[in-house]
Amino acid sequence: MSFILRQITKRVGAPDIVREKAVAAAEPVIGRGSDCDIQLTDLAVSLRHAVVKQTGPGKVSVDALGAENFEA
């Protein structure tokens, strides 16, 4: 299983910039840590913040790994 991560940068008066990256992990981990599949630089994000899991055909869940709450 793999995921496609899309980063979209909005620009005023110009087309959006879309960057895509394939993430080959079956259950990618999101966080600031260097071992994470999806790395974020925001200090409000834990080193290992959340994990993405496939829950059915075309469905995923995002589960917290730390104490920080978030909405997906």
PDB file of N, CA and C in Angstrom:
ATOM      1  N   MET A   1       0.850  -1.182   0.000  1.00  0.00           N
ATOM      2  CA  MET A   1       0.000   0.000   0.000  1.00  0.00           C
ATOM      3  C   MET A   1       0.885   1.230   0.000  1.00  0.00           C
ATOM      4  N   SER A   2       0.450   2.239  -0.703  1.00  0.00           N
ATOM      5  CA  SER A   2       1.171   3.501  -0.693  1.00  0.00           C
ATOM      6  C   SER A   2       0.174   4.647  -0.707  1.00  0.00           C
ATOM      7  N   PHE A   3       0.652   5.801  -0.320  1.00  0.00           N
ATOM      8  CA  PHE A   3      -0.155   7.015  -0.286  1.00  0.00           C
ATOM      9  C   PHE A   3       0.510   8.061  -1.154  1.00  0.00           C
ATOM     10  N   ILE A   4      -0.278   8.985  -1.681  1.00  0.00           N
ATOM     11  CA  ILE A   4       0.244  10.145  -2.383  1.00  0.00           C
ATOM     12  C   ILE A   4       0.016  11.353  -1.480  1.00  0.00           C
ATOM     13  N   LEU A   5       1.078  12.019  -1.121  1.00  0.00           N
ATOM     14  CA  LEU A   5       1.011  13.221  -0.296  1.00  0.00           C
ATOM     15  C   LEU A   5       1.061  14.420  -1.233  1.00  0.00           C
ATOM     16  N   ARG A   6       0.064  15.278  -1.154  1.00  0.00           N
ATOM     17  CA  ARG A   6       0.022  16.479  -1.992  1.00  0.00           C
ATOM     18  C   ARG A   6       0.148  17.715  -1.109  1.00  0.00           C
ATOM     19  N   GLN A   7       1.144  18.531  -1.419  1.00  0.00           N
ATOM     20  CA  GLN A   7       1.318  19.815  -0.746  1.00  0.00           C
ATOM     21  C   GLN A   7       0.865  20.881  -1.727  1.00  0.00           C
ATOM     22  N   ILE A   8      -0.130  21.662  -1.312  1.00  0.00           N
ATOM     23  CA  ILE A   8      -0.687  22.693  -2.189  1.00  0.00           C
ATOM     24  C   ILE A   8      -0.374  24.055  -1.591  1.00  0.00           C
ATOM     25  N   THR A   9       0.317  24.878  -2.373  1.00  0.00           N
ATOM     26  CA  THR A   9       0.636  26.242  -1.964  1.00  0.00           C
ATOM     27  C   THR A   9      -0.258  27.185  -2.754  1.00  0.00           C
ATOM     28  N   LYS A  10      -1.092  27.937  -2.037  1.00  0.00           N
ATOM     29  CA  LYS A  10      -2.006  28.889  -2.671  1.00  0.00           C
ATOM     30  C   LYS A  10      -1.261  30.189  -2.961  1.00  0.00           C
ATOM     31  N   ARG A  11      -1.513  30.734  -4.149  1.00  0.00           N
ATOM     32  CA  ARG A  11      -0.912  32.017  -4.521  1.00  0.00           C
ATOM     33  C   ARG A  11      -2.012  32.947  -5.011  1.00  0.00           C
ATOM     34  N   VAL A  12      -1.937  34.194  -4.619  1.00  0.00           N
ATOM     35  CA  VAL A  12      -2.906  35.195  -5.036  1.00  0.00           C
ATOM     36  C   VAL A  12      -2.632  35.578  -6.488  1.00  0.00           C
ATOM     37  N   GLY A  13      -3.636  35.461  -7.327  1.00  0.00           N
ATOM     38  CA  GLY A  13      -3.502  35.884  -8.711  1.00  0.00           C
ATOM     39  C   GLY A  13      -2.637  34.982  -9.575  1.00  0.00           C
ATOM     40  N   ALA A  14      -2.347  33.784  -9.094  1.00  0.00           N
ATOM     41  CA  ALA A  14      -1.529  32.844  -9.876  1.00  0.00           C
ATOM     42  C   ALA A  14      -2.007  31.422  -9.567  1.00  0.00           C
ATOM     43  N   PRO A  15      -1.696  30.499 -10.446  1.00  0.00           N
ATOM     44  CA  PRO A  15      -2.113  29.117 -10.181  1.00  0.00           C
ATOM     45  C   PRO A  15      -1.468  28.557  -8.906  1.00  0.00           C
ATOM     46  N   ASP A  16      -2.169  27.623  -8.265  1.00  0.00           N
ATOM     47  CA  ASP A  16      -1.618  26.950  -7.093  1.00  0.00           C
ATOM     48  C   ASP A  16      -0.380  26.148  -7.493  1.00  0.00           C
ATOM     49  N   ILE A  17       0.533  26.002  -6.548  1.00  0.00           N
ATOM     50  CA  ILE A  17       1.686  25.131  -6.747  1.00  0.00           C
ATOM     51  C   ILE A  17       1.364  23.810  -6.051  1.00  0.00           C
ATOM     52  N   VAL A  18       1.416  22.705  -6.800  1.00  0.00           N
ATOM     53  CA  VAL A  18       1.110  21.386  -6.252  1.00  0.00           C
ATOM     54  C   VAL A  18       2.360  20.511  -6.341  1.00  0.00           C
ATOM     55  N   ARG A  19       2.783  20.020  -5.189  1.00  0.00           N
ATOM     56  CA  ARG A  19       3.919  19.097  -5.138  1.00  0.00           C
ATOM     57  C   ARG A  19       3.404  17.749  -4.658  1.00  0.00           C
ATOM     58  N   GLU A  20       3.794  16.668  -5.328  1.00  0.00           N
ATOM     59  CA  GLU A  20       3.362  15.332  -4.945  1.00  0.00           C
ATOM     60  C   GLU A  20       4.557  14.491  -4.534  1.00  0.00           C
ATOM     61  N   LYS A  21       4.318  13.646  -3.526  1.00  0.00           N
ATOM     62  CA  LYS A  21       5.352  12.737  -3.057  1.00  0.00           C
ATOM     63  C   LYS A  21       4.688  11.407  -2.727  1.00  0.00           C
ATOM     64  N   ALA A  22       5.224  10.327  -3.259  1.00  0.00           N
ATOM     65  CA  ALA A  22       4.709   8.996  -2.937  1.00  0.00           C
ATOM     66  C   ALA A  22       5.256   8.574  -1.579  1.00  0.00           C
ATOM     67  N   VAL A  23       4.378   8.057  -0.734  1.00  0.00           N
ATOM     68  CA  VAL A  23       4.770   7.547   0.581  1.00  0.00           C
ATOM     69  C   VAL A  23       4.477   6.054   0.562  1.00  0.00           C
ATOM     70  N   ALA A  24       5.517   5.229   0.579  1.00  0.00           N
ATOM     71  CA  ALA A  24       5.366   3.789   0.373  1.00  0.00           C
ATOM     72  C   ALA A  24       5.018   3.008   1.640  1.00  0.00           C
ATOM     73  N   ALA A  25       4.988   3.642   2.789  1.00  0.00           N
ATOM     74  CA  ALA A  25       4.708   2.934   4.043  1.00  0.00           C
ATOM     75  C   ALA A  25       3.260   2.478   4.103  1.00  0.00           C
ATOM     76  N   ALA A  26       3.027   1.293   4.658  1.00  0.00           N
ATOM     77  CA  ALA A  26       1.669   0.772   4.797  1.00  0.00           C
ATOM     78  C   ALA A  26       0.862   1.611   5.788  1.00  0.00           C
ATOM     79  N   GLU A  27       1.520   2.075   6.853  1.00  0.00           N
ATOM     80  CA  GLU A  27       0.893   2.940   7.852  1.00  0.00           C
ATOM     81  C   GLU A  27       1.861   4.083   8.154  1.00  0.00           C
ATOM     82  N   PRO A  28       1.847   5.133   7.311  1.00  0.00           N
ATOM     83  CA  PRO A  28       2.809   6.218   7.494  1.00  0.00           C
ATOM     84  C   PRO A  28       2.618   6.962   8.816  1.00  0.00           C
ATOM     85  N   VAL A  29       3.748   7.282   9.438  1.00  0.00           N
ATOM     86  CA  VAL A  29       3.752   8.042  10.689  1.00  0.00           C
ATOM     87  C   VAL A  29       4.038   9.501  10.352  1.00  0.00           C
ATOM     88  N   ILE A  30       3.267  10.403  10.990  1.00  0.00           N
ATOM     89  CA  ILE A  30       3.401  11.842  10.799  1.00  0.00           C
ATOM     90  C   ILE A  30       4.033  12.429  12.055  1.00  0.00           C
ATOM     91  N   GLY A  31       5.017  13.317  11.884  1.00  0.00           N
ATOM     92  CA  GLY A  31       5.614  13.972  13.039  1.00  0.00           C
ATOM     93  C   GLY A  31       6.862  14.749  12.669  1.00  0.00           C
ATOM     94  N   ARG A  32       7.528  15.281  13.714  1.00  0.00           N
ATOM     95  CA  ARG A  32       8.761  16.054  13.510  1.00  0.00           C
ATOM     96  C   ARG A  32      10.000  15.168  13.468  1.00  0.00           C
ATOM     97  N   GLY A  33       9.891  13.946  13.932  1.00  0.00           N
ATOM     98  CA  GLY A  33      11.045  13.067  14.036  1.00  0.00           C
ATOM     99  C   GLY A  33      11.639  12.692  12.689  1.00  0.00           C
ATOM    100  N   SER A  34      12.947  12.479  12.681  1.00  0.00           N
ATOM    101  CA  SER A  34      13.619  12.122  11.432  1.00  0.00           C
ATOM    102  C   SER A  34      13.222  10.741  10.945  1.00  0.00           C
ATOM    103  N   ASP A  35      12.633   9.920  11.817  1.00  0.00           N
ATOM    104  CA  ASP A  35      12.201   8.582  11.429  1.00  0.00           C
ATOM    105  C   ASP A  35      10.766   8.556  10.882  1.00  0.00           C
ATOM    106  N   CYS A  36      10.102   9.705  10.839  1.00  0.00           N
ATOM    107  CA  CYS A  36       8.709   9.762  10.374  1.00  0.00           C
ATOM    108  C   CYS A  36       8.646   9.723   8.848  1.00  0.00           C
ATOM    109  N   ASP A  37       7.588   9.097   8.342  1.00  0.00           N
ATOM    110  CA  ASP A  37       7.384   9.009   6.892  1.00  0.00           C
ATOM    111  C   ASP A  37       6.962  10.356   6.322  1.00  0.00           C
ATOM    112  N   ILE A  38       6.176  11.117   7.098  1.00  0.00           N
ATOM    113  CA  ILE A  38       5.724  12.452   6.694  1.00  0.00           C
ATOM    114  C   ILE A  38       6.225  13.412   7.771  1.00  0.00           C
ATOM    115  N   GLN A  39       7.222  14.222   7.427  1.00  0.00           N
ATOM    116  CA  GLN A  39       7.839  15.118   8.405  1.00  0.00           C
ATOM    117  C   GLN A  39       7.239  16.517   8.324  1.00  0.00           C
ATOM    118  N   LEU A  40       6.897  17.058   9.506  1.00  0.00           N
ATOM    119  CA  LEU A  40       6.388  18.425   9.635  1.00  0.00           C
ATOM    120  C   LEU A  40       7.334  19.196  10.538  1.00  0.00           C
ATOM    121  N   THR A  41       7.546  20.472  10.244  1.00  0.00           N
ATOM    122  CA  THR A  41       8.499  21.269  11.022  1.00  0.00           C
ATOM    123  C   THR A  41       7.856  22.085  12.132  1.00  0.00           C
ATOM    124  N   ASP A  42       6.546  22.054  12.241  1.00  0.00           N
ATOM    125  CA  ASP A  42       5.824  22.838  13.239  1.00  0.00           C
ATOM    126  C   ASP A  42       6.143  22.319  14.645  1.00  0.00           C
ATOM    127  N   LEU A  43       6.570  23.204  15.555  1.00  0.00           N
ATOM    128  CA  LEU A  43       6.912  22.806  16.916  1.00  0.00           C
ATOM    129  C   LEU A  43       5.710  22.330  17.729  1.00  0.00           C
ATOM    130  N   ALA A  44       4.496  22.612  17.265  1.00  0.00           N
ATOM    131  CA  ALA A  44       3.296  22.129  17.949  1.00  0.00           C
ATOM    132  C   ALA A  44       3.028  20.651  17.641  1.00  0.00           C
ATOM    133  N   VAL A  45       3.781  20.092  16.716  1.00  0.00           N
ATOM    134  CA  VAL A  45       3.639  18.690  16.319  1.00  0.00           C
ATOM    135  C   VAL A  45       4.643  17.854  17.112  1.00  0.00           C
ATOM    136  N   SER A  46       4.192  16.723  17.652  1.00  0.00           N
ATOM    137  CA  SER A  46       5.078  15.821  18.394  1.00  0.00           C
ATOM    138  C   SER A  46       6.084  15.162  17.460  1.00  0.00           C
ATOM    139  N   LEU A  47       7.124  14.586  18.062  1.00  0.00           N
ATOM    140  CA  LEU A  47       8.100  13.857  17.253  1.00  0.00           C
ATOM    141  C   LEU A  47       7.411  12.734  16.471  1.00  0.00           C
ATOM    142  N   ARG A  48       6.520  12.006  17.116  1.00  0.00           N
ATOM    143  CA  ARG A  48       5.688  10.983  16.466  1.00  0.00           C
ATOM    144  C   ARG A  48       4.245  11.350  16.805  1.00  0.00           C
ATOM    145  N   HIS A  49       3.604  12.094  15.935  1.00  0.00           N
ATOM    146  CA  HIS A  49       2.328  12.749  16.220  1.00  0.00           C
ATOM    147  C   HIS A  49       1.107  11.876  15.910  1.00  0.00           C
ATOM    148  N   ALA A  50       1.106  11.244  14.728  1.00  0.00           N
ATOM    149  CA  ALA A  50      -0.078  10.490  14.312  1.00  0.00           C
ATOM    150  C   ALA A  50       0.321   9.420  13.298  1.00  0.00           C
ATOM    151  N   VAL A  51      -0.606   8.497  13.074  1.00  0.00           N
ATOM    152  CA  VAL A  51      -0.394   7.447  12.085  1.00  0.00           C
ATOM    153  C   VAL A  51      -1.627   7.383  11.185  1.00  0.00           C
ATOM    154  N   VAL A  52      -1.393   7.143   9.898  1.00  0.00           N
ATOM    155  CA  VAL A  52      -2.473   7.016   8.916  1.00  0.00           C
ATOM    156  C   VAL A  52      -2.662   5.537   8.629  1.00  0.00           C
ATOM    157  N   LYS A  53      -3.914   5.055   8.739  1.00  0.00           N
ATOM    158  CA  LYS A  53      -4.212   3.646   8.507  1.00  0.00           C
ATOM    159  C   LYS A  53      -5.361   3.512   7.514  1.00  0.00           C
ATOM    160  N   GLN A  54      -5.266   2.529   6.646  1.00  0.00           N
ATOM    161  CA  GLN A  54      -6.379   2.243   5.738  1.00  0.00           C
ATOM    162  C   GLN A  54      -7.408   1.436   6.523  1.00  0.00           C
ATOM    163  N   THR A  55      -8.675   1.879   6.480  1.00  0.00           N
ATOM    164  CA  THR A  55      -9.733   1.202   7.223  1.00  0.00           C
ATOM    165  C   THR A  55     -10.703   0.463   6.307  1.00  0.00           C
ATOM    166  N   GLY A  56     -10.561   0.642   5.026  1.00  0.00           N
ATOM    167  CA  GLY A  56     -11.419  -0.021   4.047  1.00  0.00           C
ATOM    168  C   GLY A  56     -11.073   0.496   2.671  1.00  0.00           C
ATOM    169  N   PRO A  57     -11.731  -0.015   1.655  1.00  0.00           N
ATOM    170  CA  PRO A  57     -11.444   0.457   0.298  1.00  0.00           C
ATOM    171  C   PRO A  57     -11.711   1.956   0.166  1.00  0.00           C
ATOM    172  N   GLY A  58     -10.666   2.730  -0.095  1.00  0.00           N
ATOM    173  CA  GLY A  58     -10.807   4.172  -0.264  1.00  0.00           C
ATOM    174  C   GLY A  58     -11.041   4.940   1.019  1.00  0.00           C
ATOM    175  N   LYS A  59     -10.836   4.304   2.189  1.00  0.00           N
ATOM    176  CA  LYS A  59     -11.058   4.971   3.472  1.00  0.00           C
ATOM    177  C   LYS A  59      -9.814   4.867   4.344  1.00  0.00           C
ATOM    178  N   VAL A  60      -9.511   5.965   5.038  1.00  0.00           N
ATOM    179  CA  VAL A  60      -8.373   5.987   5.957  1.00  0.00           C
ATOM    180  C   VAL A  60      -8.791   6.612   7.280  1.00  0.00           C
ATOM    181  N   SER A  61      -8.021   6.322   8.322  1.00  0.00           N
ATOM    182  CA  SER A  61      -8.187   6.997   9.609  1.00  0.00           C
ATOM    183  C   SER A  61      -6.847   7.585   9.999  1.00  0.00           C
ATOM    184  N   VAL A  62      -6.885   8.657  10.778  1.00  0.00           N
ATOM    185  CA  VAL A  62      -5.676   9.286  11.302  1.00  0.00           C
ATOM    186  C   VAL A  62      -5.789   9.207  12.818  1.00  0.00           C
ATOM    187  N   ASP A  63      -4.896   8.452  13.447  1.00  0.00           N
ATOM    188  CA  ASP A  63      -4.945   8.224  14.889  1.00  0.00           C
ATOM    189  C   ASP A  63      -3.767   8.898  15.578  1.00  0.00           C
ATOM    190  N   ALA A  64      -4.047   9.568  16.688  1.00  0.00           N
ATOM    191  CA  ALA A  64      -3.011  10.243  17.461  1.00  0.00           C
ATOM    192  C   ALA A  64      -2.077   9.226  18.109  1.00  0.00           C
ATOM    193  N   LEU A  65      -0.794   9.542  18.150  1.00  0.00           N
ATOM    194  CA  LEU A  65       0.185   8.704  18.835  1.00  0.00           C
ATOM    195  C   LEU A  65       0.623   9.331  20.151  1.00  0.00           C
ATOM    196  N   GLY A  66       0.341  10.607  20.337  1.00  0.00           N
ATOM    197  CA  GLY A  66       0.749  11.315  21.546  1.00  0.00           C
ATOM    198  C   GLY A  66      -0.456  11.879  22.270  1.00  0.00           C
ATOM    199  N   ALA A  67      -0.186  12.794  23.185  1.00  0.00           N
ATOM    200  CA  ALA A  67      -1.239  13.391  24.006  1.00  0.00           C
ATOM    201  C   ALA A  67      -1.909  14.584  23.328  1.00  0.00           C
ATOM    202  N   GLU A  68      -1.327  15.103  22.247  1.00  0.00           N
ATOM    203  CA  GLU A  68      -1.879  16.274  21.589  1.00  0.00           C
ATOM    204  C   GLU A  68      -3.134  15.905  20.812  1.00  0.00           C
ATOM    205  N   ASN A  69      -4.165  16.726  20.964  1.00  0.00           N
ATOM    206  CA  ASN A  69      -5.405  16.506  20.222  1.00  0.00           C
ATOM    207  C   ASN A  69      -5.323  17.200  18.864  1.00  0.00           C
ATOM    208  N   PHE A  70      -6.045  16.664  17.898  1.00  0.00           N
ATOM    209  CA  PHE A  70      -6.147  17.273  16.586  1.00  0.00           C
ATOM    210  C   PHE A  70      -7.412  16.786  15.921  1.00  0.00           C
ATOM    211  N   GLU A  71      -7.813  17.469  14.876  1.00  0.00           N
ATOM    212  CA  GLU A  71      -8.969  17.069  14.081  1.00  0.00           C
ATOM    213  C   GLU A  71      -8.492  16.729  12.693  1.00  0.00           C
ATOM    214  N   ALA A  72      -8.958  15.622  12.169  1.00  0.00           N
ATOM    215  CA  ALA A  72      -8.576  15.202  10.823  1.00  0.00           C
ATOM    216  C   ALA A  72      -9.697  15.473   9.855  1.00  0.00           C
TER     217      ALA A  72
END
